[in-house]
C-alpha atoms as a PDB file:
ATOM      1  CA  MET A   1      -9.001 -10.840   8.848  1.00  0.00           C
ATOM      2  CA  ASN A   2     -12.293 -12.248  10.023  1.00  0.00           C
ATOM      3  CA  PRO A   3     -13.318 -15.325   7.935  1.00  0.00           C
ATOM      4  CA  LYS A   4     -16.857 -13.991   7.537  1.00  0.00           C
ATOM      5  CA  LEU A   5     -15.565 -10.677   6.252  1.00  0.00           C
ATOM      6  CA  GLU A   6     -13.180 -12.422   3.895  1.00  0.00           C
ATOM      7  CA  HIS A   7     -16.053 -14.517   2.531  1.00  0.00           C
ATOM      8  CA  LEU A   8     -18.145 -11.377   2.042  1.00  0.00           C
ATOM      9  CA  VAL A   9     -15.312  -9.705   0.132  1.00  0.00           C
ATOM     10  CA  ASP A  10     -14.951 -12.784  -2.077  1.00  0.00           C
ATOM     11  CA  LEU A  11     -18.657 -12.831  -2.891  1.00  0.00           C
ATOM     12  CA  ILE A  12     -18.773  -9.136  -3.744  1.00  0.00           C
ATOM     13  CA  PHE A  13     -15.599  -9.376  -5.815  1.00  0.00           C
ATOM     14  CA  LYS A  14     -16.949 -12.307  -7.838  1.00  0.00           C
ATOM     15  CA  LYS A  15     -20.239 -10.493  -8.471  1.00  0.00           C
ATOM     16  CA  LEU A  16     -18.437  -7.373  -9.651  1.00  0.00           C
ATOM     17  CA  MET A  17     -16.188  -9.359 -11.976  1.00  0.00           C
ATOM     18  CA  THR A  18     -19.147 -11.098 -13.629  1.00  0.00           C
ATOM     19  CA  TYR A  19     -21.169  -7.908 -14.119  1.00  0.00           C
ATOM     20  CA  LYS A  20     -21.736  -7.703 -17.894  1.00  0.00           C
ATOM     21  CA  LYS A  21     -23.268  -4.270 -18.465  1.00  0.00           C
ATOM     22  CA  LYS A  22     -20.123  -2.348 -17.653  1.00  0.00           C
ATOM     23  CA  LYS A  23     -16.523  -3.274 -17.329  1.00  0.00           C
ATOM     24  CA  ILE A  24     -15.463  -2.873 -13.702  1.00  0.00           C
ATOM     25  CA  PHE A  25     -11.813  -2.487 -12.805  1.00  0.00           C
ATOM     26  CA  ILE A  26     -11.113  -3.100  -9.160  1.00  0.00           C
ATOM     27  CA  GLU A  27      -8.402  -4.843  -7.239  1.00  0.00           C
ATOM     28  CA  LYS A  28      -9.436  -7.308  -4.589  1.00  0.00           C
ATOM     29  CA  GLU A  29      -7.119  -5.695  -2.041  1.00  0.00           C
ATOM     30  CA  SER A  30      -8.754  -2.285  -2.573  1.00  0.00           C
ATOM     31  CA  LEU A  31     -12.191  -3.796  -2.174  1.00  0.00           C
ATOM     32  CA  ASN A  32     -11.043  -5.571   0.954  1.00  0.00           C
ATOM     33  CA  LYS A  33      -9.745  -2.330   2.494  1.00  0.00           C
ATOM     34  CA  PHE A  34     -12.958  -0.504   1.654  1.00  0.00           C
ATOM     35  CA  ILE A  35     -15.241  -3.141   3.144  1.00  0.00           C
ATOM     36  CA  SER A  36     -13.041  -3.466   6.220  1.00  0.00           C
ATOM     37  CA  SER A  37     -13.251   0.281   6.733  1.00  0.00           C
ATOM     38  CA  LEU A  38     -17.052   0.073   6.676  1.00  0.00           C
ATOM     39  CA  PHE A  39     -17.079  -2.446   9.506  1.00  0.00           C
ATOM     40  CA  LYS A  40     -14.434  -0.796  11.688  1.00  0.00           C
ATOM     41  CA  GLU A  41     -15.599   0.709  14.911  1.00  0.00           C
ATOM     42  CA  ASN A  42     -14.477   4.262  15.613  1.00  0.00           C
END
């Protein structure tokens, strides 16, 4: 995986895990797949 993309996933994951208003349940691997799919070229 691209280091920039991996860093982006880490930042988003950390933000989601520290979000206090609602409890968010997400696995880092699922988030990674989703973000990777957004950047894939068709």
